[in-house]
Amino acid sequence: MTLPIFEGNPLFAVLAPEEILMLQQTAAVHTYSKHQVIYKPGQAANKVYFLLKGTVKIAVHAEKKDIIKYVVRATNLFGESCLTGEIQRRDFAYAMDDSVEVVELDAQALLSIMRKNFAFAQSLLHFLGERLRYTETQLEKVVLKDSKSRILEFLHQMGIEQGKRVGFETLVKHNMTHQDIADLTGTSRQMVTAVLNQLKRSNVLYFNRKKILFRDLSALPG
């Protein structure tokens, strides 16, 4: 039986049948509960992970709190730094939902296929480049924009990427706490709460612990 990651995923579409078989022989599917650690600093970096279901956050510890580097959503890779020479993990990966499903892929098997399959290597390099550009963009925002602007931009991006249209409104179902948003935007939980409450009073959006309803996403102040 072919693992779900190989069915219709463009990253793996360029693999030959024998290459898929090679990956499947070393792959393993694991399920994690909310807040469970998938990997942590100091562990051997010898696996690449593909997220089948749920959400995962990649974070580092600094000054007794998590600094979230990025959030991984279903059908995406994470832990790929071992493909660029990392020997030991330097960050954490946490499950953000219950019943998070992850496929572990052997890094050496991936590297072996990359050496022989140029199209696959090119696809992975493109993915790595996109993640690097995202990290650079986040750093630029911290340096160049104030806290409120970063939060507003994050909310707008969340609406575009995760929102579903409900009439003229946009609904985002999520599992992020105010602290998660603060960690992602390099701000404080108090600032996130203040900005959300201000937008709620202005009827720009409505929110609770599980959803944000944007009245008019295009009207979100910048």
Foldseek 3Di string as FASTA:
>chain_A
DQDPLCPPQPLNVQDDPVLSVLFVVQKDKDWDAAFDWPDAWPAFLFKKKAWAAAKKWKWADDPNDTQTQDMDHHGDIPSLCVLVPDGTDRIIIGGHHGGTMMMITGSVSLNVVVVVRVVSVVSVVVVVVVSVVVSVVLVCCVVPHDQLVLLLVVVLVQQVPAWDDDDQKTKHFDQDQLCNSCSSNVHHSVVSVVSVVVCVVVVQWDDDNTMIMGNHSVPRDD
